[in-house]
PDB file of N, CA and C in Angstrom:
ATOM      1  N   UNK A   1       0.863  -1.182  -0.012  1.00  0.00           N
ATOM      2  CA  UNK A   1       0.001  -0.020   0.012  1.00  0.00           C
ATOM      3  C   UNK A   1       0.884   1.242   0.043  1.00  0.00           C
ATOM      4  N   UNK A   2       0.453   2.272  -0.740  1.00  0.00           N
ATOM      5  CA  UNK A   2       1.209   3.418  -0.819  1.00  0.00           C
ATOM      6  C   UNK A   2       0.250   4.613  -0.921  1.00  0.00           C
ATOM      7  N   UNK A   3       0.618   5.710  -0.150  1.00  0.00           N
ATOM      8  CA  UNK A   3      -0.086   6.905  -0.283  1.00  0.00           C
ATOM      9  C   UNK A   3       0.269   7.613  -1.584  1.00  0.00           C
ATOM     10  N   UNK A   4      -0.745   8.142  -2.316  1.00  0.00           N
ATOM     11  CA  UNK A   4      -0.426   8.962  -3.440  1.00  0.00           C
ATOM     12  C   UNK A   4      -1.681   9.819  -3.724  1.00  0.00           C
ATOM     13  N   UNK A   5      -1.569  10.555  -4.812  1.00  0.00           N
ATOM     14  CA  UNK A   5      -2.741  11.343  -5.201  1.00  0.00           C
ATOM     15  C   UNK A   5      -3.312  10.768  -6.481  1.00  0.00           C
ATOM     16  N   UNK A   6      -4.689  10.860  -6.565  1.00  0.00           N
ATOM     17  CA  UNK A   6      -5.352  10.476  -7.741  1.00  0.00           C
ATOM     18  C   UNK A   6      -4.798  11.271  -8.903  1.00  0.00           C
ATOM     19  N   UNK A   7      -4.519  10.610 -10.057  1.00  0.00           N
ATOM     20  CA  UNK A   7      -3.923  11.347 -11.144  1.00  0.00           C
ATOM     21  C   UNK A   7      -4.880  12.204 -11.969  1.00  0.00           C
ATOM     22  N   UNK A   8      -6.241  12.186 -11.576  1.00  0.00           N
ATOM     23  CA  UNK A   8      -7.106  13.088 -12.184  1.00  0.00           C
ATOM     24  C   UNK A   8      -7.563  14.259 -11.334  1.00  0.00           C
ATOM     25  N   UNK A   9      -8.068  13.963 -10.162  1.00  0.00           N
ATOM     26  CA  UNK A   9      -8.553  15.037  -9.212  1.00  0.00           C
ATOM     27  C   UNK A   9      -7.474  15.433  -8.178  1.00  0.00           C
ATOM     28  N   UNK A  10      -6.394  14.723  -8.140  1.00  0.00           N
ATOM     29  CA  UNK A  10      -5.303  14.976  -7.193  1.00  0.00           C
ATOM     30  C   UNK A  10      -5.610  14.799  -5.697  1.00  0.00           C
ATOM     31  N   UNK A  11      -6.769  14.198  -5.377  1.00  0.00           N
ATOM     32  CA  UNK A  11      -7.213  13.939  -4.043  1.00  0.00           C
ATOM     33  C   UNK A  11      -6.265  12.816  -3.458  1.00  0.00           C
ATOM     34  N   UNK A  12      -5.823  13.009  -2.160  1.00  0.00           N
ATOM     35  CA  UNK A  12      -5.027  11.878  -1.605  1.00  0.00           C
ATOM     36  C   UNK A  12      -5.747  10.609  -1.489  1.00  0.00           C
ATOM     37  N   UNK A  13      -5.001   9.537  -1.685  1.00  0.00           N
ATOM     38  CA  UNK A  13      -5.656   8.212  -1.753  1.00  0.00           C
ATOM     39  C   UNK A  13      -4.654   7.176  -1.345  1.00  0.00           C
ATOM     40  N   UNK A  14      -5.024   5.962  -1.111  1.00  0.00           N
ATOM     41  CA  UNK A  14      -4.134   4.836  -0.810  1.00  0.00           C
ATOM     42  C   UNK A  14      -4.290   3.897  -2.047  1.00  0.00           C
ATOM     43  N   UNK A  15      -3.118   3.574  -2.630  1.00  0.00           N
ATOM     44  CA  UNK A  15      -3.088   2.725  -3.773  1.00  0.00           C
ATOM     45  C   UNK A  15      -2.496   1.419  -3.379  1.00  0.00           C
ATOM     46  N   UNK A  16      -3.072   0.349  -3.826  1.00  0.00           N
ATOM     47  CA  UNK A  16      -2.521  -0.973  -3.455  1.00  0.00           C
ATOM     48  C   UNK A  16      -2.306  -1.779  -4.808  1.00  0.00           C
ATOM     49  N   UNK A  17      -1.605  -1.133  -5.700  1.00  0.00           N
ATOM     50  CA  UNK A  17      -1.331  -1.729  -6.981  1.00  0.00           C
ATOM     51  C   UNK A  17      -0.496  -2.978  -6.847  1.00  0.00           C
ATOM     52  N   UNK A  18       0.337  -3.205  -5.868  1.00  0.00           N
ATOM     53  CA  UNK A  18       1.103  -4.423  -5.694  1.00  0.00           C
ATOM     54  C   UNK A  18       0.211  -5.575  -5.358  1.00  0.00           C
ATOM     55  N   UNK A  19      -0.953  -5.336  -4.842  1.00  0.00           N
ATOM     56  CA  UNK A  19      -1.918  -6.341  -4.437  1.00  0.00           C
ATOM     57  C   UNK A  19      -3.267  -5.927  -4.972  1.00  0.00           C
ATOM     58  N   UNK A  20      -3.393  -5.758  -6.329  1.00  0.00           N
ATOM     59  CA  UNK A  20      -4.514  -5.110  -6.976  1.00  0.00           C
ATOM     60  C   UNK A  20      -5.823  -5.787  -6.574  1.00  0.00           C
ATOM     61  N   UNK A  21      -5.870  -7.054  -6.260  1.00  0.00           N
ATOM     62  CA  UNK A  21      -7.095  -7.754  -5.912  1.00  0.00           C
ATOM     63  C   UNK A  21      -7.635  -7.225  -4.651  1.00  0.00           C
ATOM     64  N   UNK A  22      -6.808  -6.683  -3.789  1.00  0.00           N
ATOM     65  CA  UNK A  22      -7.245  -6.110  -2.569  1.00  0.00           C
ATOM     66  C   UNK A  22      -7.249  -4.555  -2.509  1.00  0.00           C
ATOM     67  N   UNK A  23      -7.048  -3.994  -3.687  1.00  0.00           N
ATOM     68  CA  UNK A  23      -7.055  -2.509  -3.775  1.00  0.00           C
ATOM     69  C   UNK A  23      -8.541  -2.009  -3.681  1.00  0.00           C
ATOM     70  N   UNK A  24      -8.702  -0.836  -3.103  1.00  0.00           N
ATOM     71  CA  UNK A  24     -10.019  -0.194  -2.985  1.00  0.00           C
ATOM     72  C   UNK A  24     -10.742  -0.037  -4.312  1.00  0.00           C
ATOM     73  N   UNK A  25      -9.942   0.189  -5.298  1.00  0.00           N
ATOM     74  CA  UNK A  25     -10.552   0.421  -6.657  1.00  0.00           C
ATOM     75  C   UNK A  25     -11.318  -0.744  -7.197  1.00  0.00           C
ATOM     76  N   UNK A  26     -10.997  -1.951  -6.684  1.00  0.00           N
ATOM     77  CA  UNK A  26     -11.661  -3.093  -7.225  1.00  0.00           C
ATOM     78  C   UNK A  26     -13.148  -3.238  -6.721  1.00  0.00           C
ATOM     79  N   UNK A  27     -13.542  -2.350  -5.872  1.00  0.00           N
ATOM     80  CA  UNK A  27     -14.908  -2.293  -5.400  1.00  0.00           C
ATOM     81  C   UNK A  27     -15.806  -1.537  -6.409  1.00  0.00           C
ATOM     82  N   UNK A  28     -15.187  -0.849  -7.379  1.00  0.00           N
ATOM     83  CA  UNK A  28     -15.900  -0.105  -8.354  1.00  0.00           C
ATOM     84  C   UNK A  28     -16.189  -0.959  -9.592  1.00  0.00           C
ATOM     85  N   UNK A  29     -17.422  -1.137  -9.955  1.00  0.00           N
ATOM     86  CA  UNK A  29     -17.735  -1.850 -11.174  1.00  0.00           C
ATOM     87  C   UNK A  29     -17.769  -0.882 -12.363  1.00  0.00           C
ATOM     88  N   UNK A  30     -16.957  -1.151 -13.343  1.00  0.00           N
ATOM     89  CA  UNK A  30     -16.874  -0.361 -14.587  1.00  0.00           C
ATOM     90  C   UNK A  30     -17.295  -1.096 -15.805  1.00  0.00           C
ATOM     91  N   UNK A  31     -17.912  -0.345 -16.703  1.00  0.00           N
ATOM     92  CA  UNK A  31     -18.189  -0.964 -18.073  1.00  0.00           C
ATOM     93  C   UNK A  31     -16.891  -1.361 -18.697  1.00  0.00           C
ATOM     94  N   UNK A  32     -16.886  -2.361 -19.541  1.00  0.00           N
ATOM     95  CA  UNK A  32     -15.698  -2.774 -20.310  1.00  0.00           C
ATOM     96  C   UNK A  32     -15.202  -1.579 -21.110  1.00  0.00           C
ATOM     97  N   UNK A  33     -16.096  -0.813 -21.655  1.00  0.00           N
ATOM     98  CA  UNK A  33     -15.697   0.306 -22.471  1.00  0.00           C
ATOM     99  C   UNK A  33     -14.930   1.384 -21.660  1.00  0.00           C
ATOM    100  N   UNK A  34     -15.334   1.484 -20.417  1.00  0.00           N
ATOM    101  CA  UNK A  34     -14.577   2.486 -19.524  1.00  0.00           C
ATOM    102  C   UNK A  34     -13.184   1.962 -19.227  1.00  0.00           C
ATOM    103  N   UNK A  35     -13.050   0.697 -18.956  1.00  0.00           N
ATOM    104  CA  UNK A  35     -11.700   0.157 -18.738  1.00  0.00           C
ATOM    105  C   UNK A  35     -10.847   0.290 -19.967  1.00  0.00           C
ATOM    106  N   UNK A  36     -11.409   0.013 -21.105  1.00  0.00           N
ATOM    107  CA  UNK A  36     -10.628   0.138 -22.367  1.00  0.00           C
ATOM    108  C   UNK A  36     -10.220   1.581 -22.632  1.00  0.00           C
ATOM    109  N   UNK A  37     -11.139   2.572 -22.363  1.00  0.00           N
ATOM    110  CA  UNK A  37     -10.802   3.969 -22.484  1.00  0.00           C
ATOM    111  C   UNK A  37      -9.682   4.380 -21.603  1.00  0.00           C
ATOM    112  N   UNK A  38      -9.755   3.998 -20.364  1.00  0.00           N
ATOM    113  CA  UNK A  38      -8.693   4.359 -19.370  1.00  0.00           C
ATOM    114  C   UNK A  38      -7.345   3.760 -19.726  1.00  0.00           C
ATOM    115  N   UNK A  39      -7.277   2.535 -20.254  1.00  0.00           N
ATOM    116  CA  UNK A  39      -6.019   1.907 -20.589  1.00  0.00           C
ATOM    117  C   UNK A  39      -5.489   2.422 -21.911  1.00  0.00           C
ATOM    118  N   UNK A  40      -6.409   2.553 -22.888  1.00  0.00           N
ATOM    119  CA  UNK A  40      -5.976   2.855 -24.237  1.00  0.00           C
ATOM    120  C   UNK A  40      -5.797   4.385 -24.563  1.00  0.00           C
ATOM    121  N   UNK A  41      -6.561   5.249 -23.944  1.00  0.00           N
ATOM    122  CA  UNK A  41      -6.583   6.649 -24.290  1.00  0.00           C
ATOM    123  C   UNK A  41      -6.072   7.592 -23.295  1.00  0.00           C
ATOM    124  N   UNK A  42      -5.842   7.114 -22.063  1.00  0.00           N
ATOM    125  CA  UNK A  42      -5.376   8.132 -21.013  1.00  0.00           C
ATOM    126  C   UNK A  42      -3.953   7.777 -20.515  1.00  0.00           C
ATOM    127  N   UNK A  43      -3.365   8.684 -19.814  1.00  0.00           N
ATOM    128  CA  UNK A  43      -2.096   8.556 -19.183  1.00  0.00           C
ATOM    129  C   UNK A  43      -2.280   8.452 -17.624  1.00  0.00           C
ATOM    130  N   UNK A  44      -3.452   8.178 -17.205  1.00  0.00           N
ATOM    131  CA  UNK A  44      -3.705   8.093 -15.780  1.00  0.00           C
ATOM    132  C   UNK A  44      -3.102   6.813 -15.123  1.00  0.00           C
ATOM    133  N   UNK A  45      -2.592   6.944 -13.917  1.00  0.00           N
ATOM    134  CA  UNK A  45      -2.106   5.774 -13.222  1.00  0.00           C
ATOM    135  C   UNK A  45      -3.203   5.352 -12.259  1.00  0.00           C
ATOM    136  N   UNK A  46      -3.088   5.611 -10.955  1.00  0.00           N
ATOM    137  CA  UNK A  46      -4.140   5.244 -10.000  1.00  0.00           C
ATOM    138  C   UNK A  46      -5.136   6.396  -9.967  1.00  0.00           C
ATOM    139  N   UNK A  47      -6.471   5.999 -10.040  1.00  0.00           N
ATOM    140  CA  UNK A  47      -7.525   6.884  -9.899  1.00  0.00           C
ATOM    141  C   UNK A  47      -8.340   6.567  -8.691  1.00  0.00           C
ATOM    142  N   UNK A  48      -8.851   7.596  -7.992  1.00  0.00           N
ATOM    143  CA  UNK A  48      -9.671   7.341  -6.809  1.00  0.00           C
ATOM    144  C   UNK A  48     -11.038   6.806  -7.240  1.00  0.00           C
ATOM    145  N   UNK A  49     -11.807   6.240  -6.302  1.00  0.00           N
ATOM    146  CA  UNK A  49     -13.048   5.632  -6.677  1.00  0.00           C
ATOM    147  C   UNK A  49     -14.027   6.703  -7.213  1.00  0.00           C
ATOM    148  N   UNK A  50     -13.992   7.873  -6.733  1.00  0.00           N
ATOM    149  CA  UNK A  50     -14.890   8.920  -7.201  1.00  0.00           C
ATOM    150  C   UNK A  50     -14.660   9.198  -8.702  1.00  0.00           C
ATOM    151  N   UNK A  51     -13.339   9.266  -9.039  1.00  0.00           N
ATOM    152  CA  UNK A  51     -13.018   9.575 -10.490  1.00  0.00           C
ATOM    153  C   UNK A  51     -13.344   8.312 -11.321  1.00  0.00           C
ATOM    154  N   UNK A  52     -13.122   7.122 -10.852  1.00  0.00           N
ATOM    155  CA  UNK A  52     -13.502   5.954 -11.559  1.00  0.00           C
ATOM    156  C   UNK A  52     -15.006   5.961 -11.882  1.00  0.00           C
ATOM    157  N   UNK A  53     -15.765   6.314 -10.882  1.00  0.00           N
ATOM    158  CA  UNK A  53     -17.200   6.363 -11.127  1.00  0.00           C
ATOM    159  C   UNK A  53     -17.570   7.447 -12.060  1.00  0.00           C
ATOM    160  N   UNK A  54     -16.890   8.593 -12.003  1.00  0.00           N
ATOM    161  CA  UNK A  54     -17.176   9.688 -12.929  1.00  0.00           C
ATOM    162  C   UNK A  54     -16.802   9.246 -14.326  1.00  0.00           C
ATOM    163  N   UNK A  55     -15.700   8.613 -14.564  1.00  0.00           N
ATOM    164  CA  UNK A  55     -15.356   8.186 -15.928  1.00  0.00           C
ATOM    165  C   UNK A  55     -16.432   7.124 -16.472  1.00  0.00           C
ATOM    166  N   UNK A  56     -16.946   6.286 -15.588  1.00  0.00           N
ATOM    167  CA  UNK A  56     -17.920   5.343 -15.955  1.00  0.00           C
ATOM    168  C   UNK A  56     -19.211   6.067 -16.398  1.00  0.00           C
ATOM    169  N   UNK A  57     -19.548   7.113 -15.664  1.00  0.00           N
ATOM    170  CA  UNK A  57     -20.741   7.849 -16.011  1.00  0.00           C
ATOM    171  C   UNK A  57     -20.574   8.630 -17.333  1.00  0.00           C
ATOM    172  N   UNK A  58     -19.367   9.188 -17.541  1.00  0.00           N
ATOM    173  CA  UNK A  58     -19.066   9.860 -18.841  1.00  0.00           C
ATOM    174  C   UNK A  58     -19.166   8.778 -19.937  1.00  0.00           C
ATOM    175  N   UNK A  59     -18.659   7.552 -19.776  1.00  0.00           N
ATOM    176  CA  UNK A  59     -18.803   6.527 -20.774  1.00  0.00           C
ATOM    177  C   UNK A  59     -20.265   6.171 -21.094  1.00  0.00           C
ATOM    178  N   UNK A  60     -21.054   6.012 -20.042  1.00  0.00           N
ATOM    179  CA  UNK A  60     -22.480   5.718 -20.231  1.00  0.00           C
ATOM    180  C   UNK A  60     -23.148   6.852 -21.020  1.00  0.00           C
ATOM    181  N   UNK A  61     -22.793   8.063 -20.716  1.00  0.00           N
ATOM    182  CA  UNK A  61     -23.361   9.219 -21.410  1.00  0.00           C
ATOM    183  C   UNK A  61     -22.966   9.185 -22.875  1.00  0.00           C
ATOM    184  N   UNK A  62     -21.709   8.815 -23.092  1.00  0.00           N
ATOM    185  CA  UNK A  62     -21.129   8.895 -24.464  1.00  0.00           C
ATOM    186  C   UNK A  62     -21.754   7.760 -25.395  1.00  0.00           C
ATOM    187  N   UNK A  63     -22.314   6.764 -24.762  1.00  0.00           N
ATOM    188  CA  UNK A  63     -22.870   5.668 -25.514  1.00  0.00           C
ATOM    189  C   UNK A  63     -24.241   6.067 -26.217  1.00  0.00           C
ATOM    190  N   UNK A  64     -24.875   7.169 -25.664  1.00  0.00           N
ATOM    191  CA  UNK A  64     -26.057   7.634 -26.196  1.00  0.00           C
ATOM    192  C   UNK A  64     -26.051   9.026 -26.784  1.00  0.00           C
ATOM    193  N   UNK A  65     -24.903   9.761 -26.511  1.00  0.00           N
ATOM    194  CA  UNK A  65     -24.776  11.140 -26.892  1.00  0.00           C
ATOM    195  C   UNK A  65     -23.378  11.279 -27.627  1.00  0.00           C
ATOM    196  N   UNK A  66     -23.462  11.819 -28.818  1.00  0.00           N
ATOM    197  CA  UNK A  66     -22.237  11.919 -29.621  1.00  0.00           C
ATOM    198  C   UNK A  66     -21.626  13.319 -29.551  1.00  0.00           C
ATOM    199  N   UNK A  67     -20.401  13.370 -29.953  1.00  0.00           N
ATOM    200  CA  UNK A  67     -19.640  14.693 -30.002  1.00  0.00           C
ATOM    201  C   UNK A  67     -20.336  15.674 -30.913  1.00  0.00           C
ATOM    202  N   UNK A  68     -20.516  16.902 -30.487  1.00  0.00           N
ATOM    203  CA  UNK A  68     -21.143  17.899 -31.411  1.00  0.00           C
ATOM    204  C   UNK A  68     -20.295  18.259 -32.576  1.00  0.00           C
ATOM    205  N   UNK A  69     -20.763  18.033 -33.770  1.00  0.00           N
ATOM    206  CA  UNK A  69     -19.973  18.233 -34.964  1.00  0.00           C
ATOM    207  C   UNK A  69     -20.031  19.729 -35.429  1.00  0.00           C
ATOM    208  N   UNK A  70     -21.035  20.404 -34.999  1.00  0.00           N
ATOM    209  CA  UNK A  70     -21.209  21.841 -35.408  1.00  0.00           C
ATOM    210  C   UNK A  70     -21.435  22.663 -34.147  1.00  0.00           C
ATOM    211  N   UNK A  71     -20.897  23.899 -34.210  1.00  0.00           N
ATOM    212  CA  UNK A  71     -21.053  24.797 -33.004  1.00  0.00           C
ATOM    213  C   UNK A  71     -22.449  24.940 -32.516  1.00  0.00           C
ATOM    214  N   UNK A  72     -23.446  24.866 -33.481  1.00  0.00           N
ATOM    215  CA  UNK A  72     -24.894  24.958 -33.048  1.00  0.00           C
ATOM    216  C   UNK A  72     -25.381  23.798 -32.267  1.00  0.00           C
ATOM    217  N   UNK A  73     -24.579  22.665 -32.291  1.00  0.00           N
ATOM    218  CA  UNK A  73     -25.040  21.512 -31.485  1.00  0.00           C
ATOM    219  C   UNK A  73     -24.473  21.510 -30.093  1.00  0.00           C
ATOM    220  N   UNK A  74     -23.561  22.461 -29.836  1.00  0.00           N
ATOM    221  CA  UNK A  74     -22.966  22.568 -28.495  1.00  0.00           C
ATOM    222  C   UNK A  74     -23.963  23.142 -27.495  1.00  0.00           C
ATOM    223  N   UNK A  75     -23.989  22.621 -26.342  1.00  0.00           N
ATOM    224  CA  UNK A  75     -24.953  23.077 -25.273  1.00  0.00           C
ATOM    225  C   UNK A  75     -24.088  23.693 -24.143  1.00  0.00           C
ATOM    226  N   UNK A  76     -24.388  24.981 -23.850  1.00  0.00           N
ATOM    227  CA  UNK A  76     -23.709  25.667 -22.812  1.00  0.00           C
ATOM    228  C   UNK A  76     -23.995  24.941 -21.455  1.00  0.00           C
ATOM    229  N   UNK A  77     -23.036  24.724 -20.682  1.00  0.00           N
ATOM    230  CA  UNK A  77     -23.172  23.982 -19.369  1.00  0.00           C
ATOM    231  C   UNK A  77     -22.931  22.543 -19.503  1.00  0.00           C
ATOM    232  N   UNK A  78     -23.086  22.024 -20.671  1.00  0.00           N
ATOM    233  CA  UNK A  78     -22.781  20.596 -20.946  1.00  0.00           C
ATOM    234  C   UNK A  78     -21.461  20.390 -21.657  1.00  0.00           C
ATOM    235  N   UNK A  79     -21.250  21.110 -22.721  1.00  0.00           N
ATOM    236  CA  UNK A  79     -20.052  20.969 -23.565  1.00  0.00           C
ATOM    237  C   UNK A  79     -19.067  22.159 -23.232  1.00  0.00           C
ATOM    238  N   UNK A  80     -19.494  23.264 -22.706  1.00  0.00           N
ATOM    239  CA  UNK A  80     -18.668  24.387 -22.491  1.00  0.00           C
ATOM    240  C   UNK A  80     -19.336  25.360 -21.502  1.00  0.00           C
ATOM    241  N   UNK A  81     -18.584  26.246 -20.947  1.00  0.00           N
ATOM    242  CA  UNK A  81     -19.086  27.396 -20.204  1.00  0.00           C
ATOM    243  C   UNK A  81     -18.190  28.600 -20.603  1.00  0.00           C
ATOM    244  N   UNK A  82     -18.730  29.731 -20.282  1.00  0.00           N
ATOM    245  CA  UNK A  82     -18.027  31.026 -20.641  1.00  0.00           C
ATOM    246  C   UNK A  82     -17.276  31.557 -19.435  1.00  0.00           C
ATOM    247  N   UNK A  83     -16.111  32.024 -19.625  1.00  0.00           N
ATOM    248  CA  UNK A  83     -15.310  32.526 -18.537  1.00  0.00           C
ATOM    249  C   UNK A  83     -14.524  33.734 -19.101  1.00  0.00           C
ATOM    250  N   UNK A  84     -14.816  34.930 -18.634  1.00  0.00           N
ATOM    251  CA  UNK A  84     -14.139  36.188 -19.187  1.00  0.00           C
ATOM    252  C   UNK A  84     -14.132  36.300 -20.668  1.00  0.00           C
ATOM    253  N   UNK A  85     -15.313  35.867 -21.221  1.00  0.00           N
ATOM    254  CA  UNK A  85     -15.507  35.996 -22.695  1.00  0.00           C
ATOM    255  C   UNK A  85     -14.820  34.776 -23.489  1.00  0.00           C
ATOM    256  N   UNK A  86     -14.304  33.844 -22.797  1.00  0.00           N
ATOM    257  CA  UNK A  86     -13.691  32.686 -23.489  1.00  0.00           C
ATOM    258  C   UNK A  86     -14.500  31.461 -23.264  1.00  0.00           C
ATOM    259  N   UNK A  87     -14.498  30.538 -24.248  1.00  0.00           N
ATOM    260  CA  UNK A  87     -15.114  29.249 -24.150  1.00  0.00           C
ATOM    261  C   UNK A  87     -14.131  28.401 -23.337  1.00  0.00           C
ATOM    262  N   UNK A  88     -14.685  27.646 -22.275  1.00  0.00           N
ATOM    263  CA  UNK A  88     -13.942  26.675 -21.553  1.00  0.00           C
ATOM    264  C   UNK A  88     -14.641  25.410 -21.736  1.00  0.00           C
ATOM    265  N   UNK A  89     -13.986  24.383 -22.373  1.00  0.00           N
ATOM    266  CA  UNK A  89     -14.630  23.113 -22.685  1.00  0.00           C
ATOM    267  C   UNK A  89     -14.651  22.248 -21.446  1.00  0.00           C
ATOM    268  N   UNK A  90     -15.766  21.531 -21.234  1.00  0.00           N
ATOM    269  CA  UNK A  90     -15.963  20.702 -20.027  1.00  0.00           C
ATOM    270  C   UNK A  90     -15.292  19.310 -20.219  1.00  0.00           C
ATOM    271  N   UNK A  91     -15.316  18.524 -19.117  1.00  0.00           N
ATOM    272  CA  UNK A  91     -14.843  17.137 -19.229  1.00  0.00           C
ATOM    273  C   UNK A  91     -15.685  16.441 -20.136  1.00  0.00           C
ATOM    274  N   UNK A  92     -16.958  16.665 -20.157  1.00  0.00           N
ATOM    275  CA  UNK A  92     -17.884  15.871 -21.136  1.00  0.00           C
ATOM    276  C   UNK A  92     -17.479  16.226 -22.552  1.00  0.00           C
ATOM    277  N   UNK A  93     -17.209  17.404 -22.840  1.00  0.00           N
ATOM    278  CA  UNK A  93     -16.717  17.796 -24.209  1.00  0.00           C
ATOM    279  C   UNK A  93     -15.513  17.019 -24.596  1.00  0.00           C
ATOM    280  N   UNK A  94     -14.490  17.067 -23.701  1.00  0.00           N
ATOM    281  CA  UNK A  94     -13.205  16.373 -24.033  1.00  0.00           C
ATOM    282  C   UNK A  94     -13.410  14.884 -24.136  1.00  0.00           C
ATOM    283  N   UNK A  95     -14.231  14.274 -23.246  1.00  0.00           N
ATOM    284  CA  UNK A  95     -14.458  12.862 -23.313  1.00  0.00           C
ATOM    285  C   UNK A  95     -15.144  12.484 -24.637  1.00  0.00           C
ATOM    286  N   UNK A  96     -16.218  13.241 -25.026  1.00  0.00           N
ATOM    287  CA  UNK A  96     -16.881  12.897 -26.263  1.00  0.00           C
ATOM    288  C   UNK A  96     -16.044  13.112 -27.482  1.00  0.00           C
ATOM    289  N   UNK A  97     -15.039  14.018 -27.411  1.00  0.00           N
ATOM    290  CA  UNK A  97     -14.150  14.272 -28.520  1.00  0.00           C
ATOM    291  C   UNK A  97     -13.365  12.998 -28.796  1.00  0.00           C
ATOM    292  N   UNK A  98     -12.982  12.294 -27.823  1.00  0.00           N
ATOM    293  CA  UNK A  98     -12.394  11.018 -28.044  1.00  0.00           C
ATOM    294  C   UNK A  98     -10.881  10.987 -28.235  1.00  0.00           C
ATOM    295  N   UNK A  99     -10.284  12.085 -28.054  1.00  0.00           N
ATOM    296  CA  UNK A  99      -8.784  12.208 -28.126  1.00  0.00           C
ATOM    297  C   UNK A  99      -8.290  13.491 -27.494  1.00  0.00           C
ATOM    298  N   UNK A 100      -7.064  13.495 -27.078  1.00  0.00           N
ATOM    299  CA  UNK A 100      -6.516  14.637 -26.419  1.00  0.00           C
ATOM    300  C   UNK A 100      -5.884  15.553 -27.465  1.00  0.00           C
ATOM    301  N   UNK A 101      -6.009  16.804 -27.269  1.00  0.00           N
ATOM    302  CA  UNK A 101      -5.430  17.836 -28.162  1.00  0.00           C
ATOM    303  C   UNK A 101      -3.961  18.178 -27.657  1.00  0.00           C
ATOM    304  N   UNK A 102      -3.612  17.755 -26.550  1.00  0.00           N
ATOM    305  CA  UNK A 102      -2.293  17.941 -25.854  1.00  0.00           C
ATOM    306  C   UNK A 102      -1.987  19.464 -25.655  1.00  0.00           C
ATOM    307  N   UNK A 103      -3.082  20.229 -25.397  1.00  0.00           N
ATOM    308  CA  UNK A 103      -2.878  21.633 -25.080  1.00  0.00           C
ATOM    309  C   UNK A 103      -2.905  21.886 -23.586  1.00  0.00           C
ATOM    310  N   UNK A 104      -2.979  20.919 -22.749  1.00  0.00           N
ATOM    311  CA  UNK A 104      -3.036  21.114 -21.360  1.00  0.00           C
ATOM    312  C   UNK A 104      -4.293  21.736 -20.900  1.00  0.00           C
ATOM    313  N   UNK A 105      -5.428  21.316 -21.460  1.00  0.00           N
ATOM    314  CA  UNK A 105      -6.690  21.930 -21.144  1.00  0.00           C
ATOM    315  C   UNK A 105      -7.047  21.750 -19.605  1.00  0.00           C
ATOM    316  N   UNK A 106      -7.796  22.667 -19.126  1.00  0.00           N
ATOM    317  CA  UNK A 106      -8.171  22.648 -17.733  1.00  0.00           C
ATOM    318  C   UNK A 106      -8.946  21.426 -17.374  1.00  0.00           C
ATOM    319  N   UNK A 107      -9.827  20.993 -18.193  1.00  0.00           N
ATOM    320  CA  UNK A 107     -10.714  19.843 -17.863  1.00  0.00           C
ATOM    321  C   UNK A 107     -10.394  18.642 -18.738  1.00  0.00           C
ATOM    322  N   UNK A 108      -9.101  18.456 -19.004  1.00  0.00           N
ATOM    323  CA  UNK A 108      -8.691  17.312 -19.753  1.00  0.00           C
ATOM    324  C   UNK A 108      -8.958  15.980 -18.985  1.00  0.00           C
ATOM    325  N   UNK A 109      -9.497  15.050 -19.640  1.00  0.00           N
ATOM    326  CA  UNK A 109      -9.901  13.676 -19.047  1.00  0.00           C
ATOM    327  C   UNK A 109      -8.808  12.694 -19.418  1.00  0.00           C
ATOM    328  N   UNK A 110      -7.783  13.062 -20.172  1.00  0.00           N
ATOM    329  CA  UNK A 110      -6.774  12.150 -20.692  1.00  0.00           C
ATOM    330  C   UNK A 110      -5.503  12.049 -19.845  1.00  0.00           C
ATOM    331  N   UNK A 111      -5.385  12.898 -18.771  1.00  0.00           N
ATOM    332  CA  UNK A 111      -4.281  12.804 -17.872  1.00  0.00           C
ATOM    333  C   UNK A 111      -2.998  13.453 -18.481  1.00  0.00           C
ATOM    334  N   UNK A 112      -3.214  14.292 -19.427  1.00  0.00           N
ATOM    335  CA  UNK A 112      -2.094  14.999 -20.092  1.00  0.00           C
ATOM    336  C   UNK A 112      -2.094  16.504 -19.706  1.00  0.00           C
ATOM    337  N   UNK A 113      -1.056  16.893 -19.011  1.00  0.00           N
ATOM    338  CA  UNK A 113      -0.988  18.304 -18.633  1.00  0.00           C
ATOM    339  C   UNK A 113       0.378  18.901 -19.086  1.00  0.00           C
ATOM    340  N   UNK A 114       0.333  20.175 -19.405  1.00  0.00           N
ATOM    341  CA  UNK A 114       1.568  20.829 -19.770  1.00  0.00           C
ATOM    342  C   UNK A 114       2.380  21.109 -18.575  1.00  0.00           C
TER     343      UNK A 114
END
């Protein structure tokens, strides 16, 4: 067991990767698609249970809602919010996009920061 921070929200947590069967994260049931997303598309290491659940909810949402292809399809509060006259894209937007732009976005779900 080792103390570390969740690689998404940075909340302190205990990771038991050396004995993964007994790690707290094993209590969280995830869709196969969520597990594949986390392994194949992100650079996250250990995630807290809250973030694991959040990623699973994002995956469930993405199965019935697609990435907006036109600006008119974007919904304020869901895909973006305005801050000082600038668009700030949400975690939902980034997740639906399906790939990281590697710009160090504030709400990046891929674990890539500048």
